[in-house]
Protein backbone atom coordinates (compact mmCIF):
# COMPACT_ATOMS: atom_id res chain seq x y z
CA MET A 1 -0.10 -0.08 -0.05
CA SER A 2 1.40 3.38 -0.93
CA GLU A 3 0.77 6.92 -0.11
CA GLY A 4 -1.84 8.47 -2.41
CA SER A 5 -4.50 6.78 -4.57
CA GLY A 6 -2.48 6.64 -7.66
CA GLY A 7 -0.21 3.67 -6.70
CA GLY A 8 -0.28 0.30 -4.97
CA SER A 9 -2.92 -2.41 -4.99
CA LEU A 10 -6.46 -1.70 -3.58
CA ALA A 11 -7.36 -3.16 -0.33
CA PHE A 12 -11.00 -3.62 0.85
CA GLY A 13 -12.59 -3.88 4.38
CA GLN A 14 -14.98 -2.60 6.99
CA VAL A 15 -14.77 -0.28 9.69
CA VAL A 16 -17.28 -1.47 12.39
CA ILE A 17 -18.77 1.30 14.48
CA GLY A 18 -21.58 1.83 16.84
CA PRO A 19 -22.42 2.58 20.51
CA PRO A 20 -21.05 0.38 23.52
CA GLY A 21 -22.71 -3.03 23.70
CA SER A 22 -24.04 -3.19 20.12
CA GLY A 23 -21.96 -6.15 19.37
CA LYS A 24 -18.95 -4.80 17.53
CA THR A 25 -16.33 -7.23 18.61
CA THR A 26 -18.90 -10.29 18.25
CA TYR A 27 -19.73 -9.10 14.75
CA CYS A 28 -16.00 -8.90 13.83
CA ARG A 29 -15.32 -12.39 15.19
CA ALA A 30 -18.40 -13.88 13.31
CA MET A 31 -17.66 -12.02 10.03
CA ARG A 32 -13.98 -13.07 10.18
CA GLU A 33 -14.98 -16.66 10.38
CA PHE A 34 -17.71 -16.37 7.75
CA LEU A 35 -15.32 -14.81 5.15
CA ARG A 36 -12.56 -17.11 6.02
CA ARG A 37 -14.93 -20.03 5.09
CA LEU A 38 -15.43 -18.28 1.76
CA GLY A 39 -11.76 -18.30 1.11
CA ARG A 40 -10.90 -14.69 1.87
CA SER A 41 -7.78 -13.68 3.80
CA VAL A 42 -9.19 -11.80 6.68
CA ALA A 43 -7.39 -9.67 9.13
CA VAL A 44 -8.93 -7.93 12.19
CA VAL A 45 -7.39 -4.61 13.36
CA ASN A 46 -8.44 -3.42 16.83
CA LEU A 47 -8.83 0.39 16.98
CA ASP A 48 -10.42 0.34 20.46
CA PRO A 49 -7.86 1.38 23.07
CA ALA A 50 -10.40 0.37 25.85
CA ASN A 51 -10.95 -3.07 24.49
CA GLU A 52 -8.41 -5.25 26.56
CA ALA A 53 -10.10 -8.68 26.57
CA LEU A 54 -10.08 -9.44 22.89
CA PRO A 55 -11.33 -13.07 21.98
CA TRP A 56 -8.60 -13.69 19.56
CA PRO A 57 -5.20 -12.26 18.73
CA CYS A 58 -5.50 -9.32 16.37
CA ALA A 59 -3.29 -8.69 13.28
CA LEU A 60 -2.71 -5.11 14.53
CA ASP A 61 -3.75 -3.78 18.02
CA ILE A 62 -3.84 -0.01 18.93
CA GLY A 63 -2.75 -1.31 22.48
CA GLN A 64 0.72 -1.48 21.14
CA LEU A 65 0.55 2.27 20.51
CA VAL A 66 -1.71 3.67 23.30
CA THR A 67 -3.92 2.28 25.85
CA LEU A 68 -6.99 4.05 27.56
CA PRO A 69 -5.86 3.08 31.22
CA ASP A 70 -2.32 4.48 30.69
CA VAL A 71 -3.95 7.91 29.29
CA MET A 72 -6.31 8.05 32.16
CA ALA A 73 -3.72 7.55 34.78
CA SER A 74 -0.99 9.97 33.31
CA LEU A 75 -3.32 12.75 32.25
CA GLY A 76 -5.92 12.50 34.94
CA LEU A 77 -8.65 12.14 32.25
CA GLY A 78 -11.93 10.14 32.60
CA PRO A 79 -13.07 7.44 30.07
CA ASN A 80 -14.74 9.70 27.68
CA GLY A 81 -11.86 12.39 27.63
CA GLY A 82 -9.15 9.66 27.63
CA LEU A 83 -10.85 8.01 24.53
CA LEU A 84 -10.82 11.12 22.66
CA TYR A 85 -7.35 11.74 23.45
CA CYS A 86 -6.45 8.19 22.13
CA MET A 87 -7.99 8.79 18.97
CA GLU A 88 -6.15 12.23 18.45
CA TYR A 89 -2.87 10.28 19.28
CA LEU A 90 -3.70 7.64 16.73
CA GLU A 91 -4.34 10.49 14.16
CA ALA A 92 -1.08 12.11 15.14
CA ASN A 93 0.93 8.86 14.72
CA ALA A 94 -0.91 7.67 11.48
CA ASP A 95 2.50 6.37 10.35
CA TRP A 96 2.34 3.57 13.01
CA LEU A 97 -1.02 2.47 11.47
CA ARG A 98 0.30 2.65 7.92
CA ASP A 99 3.43 0.51 8.82
CA GLY A 100 1.38 -2.05 10.55
CA LEU A 101 -1.00 -2.34 7.66
CA ARG A 102 1.73 -2.89 5.13
CA GLY A 103 2.09 -6.43 6.51
CA LEU A 104 -1.59 -7.16 5.69
CA ALA A 105 -1.21 -6.67 1.97
CA GLY A 106 -3.81 -8.96 0.12
CA HIS A 107 -6.11 -9.17 3.29
CA TYR A 108 -9.62 -8.08 3.59
CA VAL A 109 -9.52 -6.03 6.81
CA LEU A 110 -11.94 -5.53 9.73
CA PHE A 111 -11.44 -2.40 11.74
CA ASP A 112 -12.96 -2.93 15.34
CA CYS A 113 -13.52 0.71 16.34
CA PRO A 114 -14.38 2.36 19.79
CA GLY A 115 -18.03 2.69 20.96
CA GLN A 116 -18.09 6.46 21.85
CA VAL A 117 -20.85 7.90 19.97
CA GLU A 118 -19.28 11.50 19.55
CA LEU A 119 -16.27 10.05 17.57
CA TYR A 120 -18.71 9.48 14.76
CA THR A 121 -21.05 12.47 15.12
CA HIS A 122 -18.85 15.58 15.49
CA HIS A 123 -15.19 14.61 16.59
CA GLU A 124 -12.77 14.71 13.76
CA ALA A 125 -9.94 12.45 14.81
CA LEU A 126 -11.35 9.03 13.66
CA LYS A 127 -12.82 10.65 10.61
CA ASN A 128 -9.44 11.87 9.71
CA VAL A 129 -7.83 8.39 10.30
CA PHE A 130 -10.47 7.04 7.86
CA GLY A 131 -9.25 9.57 5.41
CA HIS A 132 -5.71 8.44 5.75
CA LEU A 133 -6.97 4.83 4.87
CA ALA A 134 -8.67 6.03 1.83
CA LYS A 135 -5.35 7.55 0.83
CA TRP A 136 -3.55 4.35 1.36
CA ASN A 137 -5.89 2.70 -1.29
CA PHE A 138 -8.35 1.14 1.26
CA ARG A 139 -11.84 0.92 -0.06
CA LEU A 140 -13.99 0.79 3.11
CA ALA A 141 -17.59 0.65 4.02
CA ALA A 142 -18.90 1.75 7.56
CA VAL A 143 -20.82 -0.98 9.18
CA HIS A 144 -22.97 0.76 11.90
CA LEU A 145 -24.27 -1.64 14.38
CA VAL A 146 -27.45 -0.66 16.46
CA ASP A 147 -28.89 -3.03 19.09
CA SER A 148 -32.40 -4.17 17.73
CA HIS A 149 -34.09 -3.67 21.13
CA TYR A 150 -34.41 0.07 20.40
CA CYS A 151 -37.14 -0.93 17.97
CA THR A 152 -39.42 -1.59 20.85
CA ASP A 153 -39.33 1.95 22.14
CA PRO A 154 -40.36 4.47 19.62
CA GLY A 155 -38.67 7.40 21.34
CA LYS A 156 -35.47 5.52 21.33
CA PHE A 157 -35.85 4.43 17.67
CA ILE A 158 -36.15 8.06 16.64
CA SER A 159 -32.95 8.87 18.63
CA VAL A 160 -31.42 5.95 16.88
CA LEU A 161 -32.41 7.27 13.41
CA CYS A 162 -31.05 10.74 14.33
CA THR A 163 -27.73 9.29 15.38
CA SER A 164 -27.45 7.16 12.39
CA LEU A 165 -28.03 9.96 10.07
CA SER A 166 -25.64 12.22 11.82
CA THR A 167 -23.01 9.30 11.73
CA MET A 168 -23.52 8.88 7.92
CA LEU A 169 -23.07 12.50 7.26
CA HIS A 170 -20.02 12.98 9.49
CA VAL A 171 -18.05 9.81 8.61
CA GLU A 172 -18.26 10.23 4.95
CA LEU A 173 -18.13 6.57 3.96
CA PRO A 174 -20.34 4.17 2.14
CA HIS A 175 -22.54 3.10 4.93
CA VAL A 176 -24.46 0.02 6.06
CA ASN A 177 -26.86 0.32 9.12
CA VAL A 178 -27.32 -2.95 10.97
CA LEU A 179 -29.89 -3.91 13.46
CA SER A 180 -27.82 -6.35 15.63
CA LYS A 181 -29.03 -9.26 17.97
CA MET A 182 -32.12 -10.01 16.08
CA ASP A 183 -32.29 -13.40 17.75
CA LEU A 184 -32.83 -11.47 20.98
CA ILE A 185 -35.52 -8.95 19.97
CA GLU A 186 -38.55 -10.97 21.19
CA GLN A 187 -37.08 -10.60 24.91
CA TYR A 188 -37.65 -6.78 24.79
CA GLY A 189 -41.33 -6.64 24.30
CA LYS A 190 -43.73 -6.25 21.42
CA LEU A 191 -43.04 -4.10 18.45
CA ALA A 192 -45.61 -1.50 17.56
CA PHE A 193 -45.39 -2.19 13.85
CA ASN A 194 -43.90 -5.14 11.62
CA LEU A 195 -40.18 -5.30 11.52
CA ASP A 196 -40.02 -4.17 7.82
CA TYR A 197 -41.31 -0.85 9.14
CA TYR A 198 -38.05 -0.40 11.14
CA THR A 199 -35.69 -1.83 8.72
CA GLU A 200 -37.01 0.28 5.79
CA VAL A 201 -37.76 3.29 7.97
CA LEU A 202 -41.20 3.70 6.40
CA ASP A 203 -43.69 6.65 7.14
CA LEU A 204 -42.63 7.86 10.35
CA SER A 205 -45.68 9.78 11.16
CA TYR A 206 -47.23 6.69 12.49
CA LEU A 207 -44.38 6.50 15.01
CA VAL A 208 -45.11 10.00 16.09
CA ASP A 209 -48.70 9.30 16.43
CA HIS A 210 -47.75 6.14 18.61
CA LEU A 211 -45.58 8.38 20.75
CA ALA A 212 -48.34 10.81 21.27
CA SER A 213 -50.22 8.33 23.19
CA ASP A 214 -47.57 8.58 26.05
CA PRO A 215 -48.34 11.55 28.28
CA PHE A 216 -44.82 12.34 28.58
CA PHE A 217 -44.11 12.50 25.02
CA ARG A 218 -47.32 14.24 23.90
CA LYS A 219 -45.96 17.62 24.84
CA PHE A 220 -42.88 17.11 22.58
CA ARG A 221 -45.13 16.14 19.57
CA ARG A 222 -43.91 19.13 17.62
CA LEU A 223 -40.17 18.33 18.24
CA ASN A 224 -40.70 14.70 17.39
CA GLU A 225 -42.44 15.78 14.09
CA LYS A 226 -39.65 18.00 13.15
CA LEU A 227 -37.00 15.40 13.93
CA VAL A 228 -38.88 12.99 11.83
CA GLU A 229 -39.05 15.50 8.97
CA VAL A 230 -35.30 15.84 9.04
CA ILE A 231 -34.81 12.06 8.90
CA GLU A 232 -37.24 11.68 5.99
CA ASP A 233 -36.02 14.63 3.95
CA TYR A 234 -32.56 13.09 3.88
CA SER A 235 -34.11 9.73 3.07
CA LEU A 236 -30.71 7.96 3.76
CA VAL A 237 -31.29 5.75 6.78
CA SER A 238 -32.33 2.07 6.52
CA PHE A 239 -31.22 -1.06 8.33
CA VAL A 240 -30.04 -4.75 7.45
CA PRO A 241 -31.34 -7.17 10.25
CA LEU A 242 -28.46 -9.42 11.64
CA ASN A 243 -28.30 -12.59 13.67
CA VAL A 244 -24.65 -13.74 13.87
CA GLN A 245 -25.71 -17.22 14.45
CA ASP A 246 -27.45 -17.50 11.13
CA LYS A 247 -25.44 -17.97 7.81
CA GLN A 248 -28.30 -16.51 5.62
CA SER A 249 -28.41 -13.27 7.75
CA MET A 250 -24.64 -13.12 7.58
CA ARG A 251 -24.66 -13.41 3.83
CA GLN A 252 -27.14 -10.62 3.56
CA VAL A 253 -24.99 -8.11 5.56
CA MET A 254 -21.78 -9.32 3.67
CA GLN A 255 -23.49 -8.71 0.30
CA ALA A 256 -24.71 -5.25 1.36
CA VAL A 257 -21.26 -4.32 2.49
CA ASP A 258 -19.53 -5.70 -0.66
CA LYS A 259 -21.83 -3.70 -2.74
CA ALA A 260 -20.97 -0.54 -0.56
CA ASN A 261 -17.22 -0.78 -0.66
CA GLY A 262 -17.07 -2.10 -4.26
CA TYR A 263 -15.49 -5.55 -3.51
CA SER A 264 -16.34 -8.09 -6.09
CA PHE A 265 -15.65 -11.62 -5.42
CA GLY A 266 -14.58 -14.20 -8.02
CA ASP A 267 -16.34 -17.42 -9.17
CA GLN A 268 -14.50 -19.56 -6.71
CA GLU A 269 -15.75 -17.52 -3.82
CA GLN A 270 -19.27 -17.64 -5.29
CA ARG A 271 -19.10 -21.45 -5.62
CA SER A 272 -17.84 -21.55 -1.67
CA LEU A 273 -20.77 -19.22 -0.71
CA GLU A 274 -23.31 -21.49 -2.45
CA ALA A 275 -21.76 -24.54 -0.70
CA LEU A 276 -21.93 -22.81 2.69
CA MET A 277 -25.52 -21.78 2.14
CA SER A 278 -26.67 -25.20 1.15
CA ALA A 279 -25.10 -26.65 4.27
CA ALA A 280 -27.05 -24.17 6.26
CA VAL A 281 -30.32 -25.26 5.14
CA GLY A 282 -30.86 -27.56 8.16
CA ALA A 283 -29.63 -24.86 10.63
CA ASP A 284 -31.74 -24.33 13.72
CA PHE A 285 -32.07 -20.48 12.93
CA HIS A 286 -34.04 -19.61 9.90
CA PHE A 287 -33.76 -15.65 9.69
CA SER A 288 -33.27 -15.82 5.98
CA SER A 289 -35.03 -12.50 5.46
CA THR A 290 -36.80 -9.78 7.48
CA LEU A 291 -40.09 -11.51 6.93
CA ALA A 292 -38.67 -14.70 8.47
CA VAL A 293 -37.47 -12.73 11.55
CA GLN A 294 -40.84 -11.03 11.84
CA GLU A 295 -42.76 -14.28 11.55
CA LYS A 296 -40.63 -15.85 14.35
CA TYR A 297 -41.28 -12.85 16.48
CA VAL A 298 -45.03 -12.82 15.99
CA GLN A 299 -45.22 -16.54 16.72
CA SER A 300 -43.39 -15.99 19.95
CA GLN A 301 -45.64 -13.14 20.98
CA ASP A 302 -48.82 -15.17 20.02
CA LYS A 303 -47.52 -18.17 22.16
CA ALA A 304 -47.07 -15.73 25.07
CA VAL A 305 -50.53 -14.47 24.84
CA GLU A 306 -52.01 -18.00 24.79
CA GLU A 307 -50.05 -18.69 27.92
CA GLU A 308 -51.51 -15.89 29.69
CA VAL A 309 -55.02 -16.74 28.70
CA MET A 310 -54.53 -20.26 29.83
CA ASP A 311 -53.27 -18.97 33.15
CA LEU A 312 -56.49 -16.87 33.50
């Protein structure tokens, strides 16, 4: 990889971003194994200085450059300020990152990023690091993970939409928004609408009406209407549902990301994918589409209602 876009071979990858607890490290592990089974040479780069318990050895770890505990202890900063400093330190020492990535030529790279939201909404350091990667001939897509349980709370879902939109506009990378942990969504309560309403971000006025039924949110109706108008005017946000335990779900996310970053796999990888998917037909999880996820969710809700009726 060489400085500037004019020389050197292209490299492809994903920057995995999202709030704390959204499943970024779990996603990196699952996507790494999925892509390896397709024949890709995959490397994971940890850019989270607070992530000290990685489930596998990384090809490159920011902990070799700077760690959050050291910054907090030496500068007297809290976790948030310390993390911002770490990212600014990484930006100032971009040569360290470039030198480490040179040893990963020919690899598809997954960048496991920190979970602090302001890094992706208004702070410049990590955005500038992504800009350096582009100059080094990396073609990246941002995979923004959002915990699917936010769909069960209309107020939180509107907040997630605003955060996702702000992130897309600030990071300035091809973007794939992902609703993670779809296999756990039924544990968080009943959805007000079908799941495709949330993944496709359909007419949000219904969501505002649903919020208005809550006495607390009723007085903020005008504010919610204006927020919804901003989201719909840009018309950029949509989501891909993900269950990392299901191969079909992983394939859908992989194909969305490959389309976003321009990666084009060959015939051999296509045959590997077909073989892998044919072996997944008998899997216990069948989240092959948004409809399948919704069907399982509805069935579980119906069963719960039946059990309540029987108890009465």
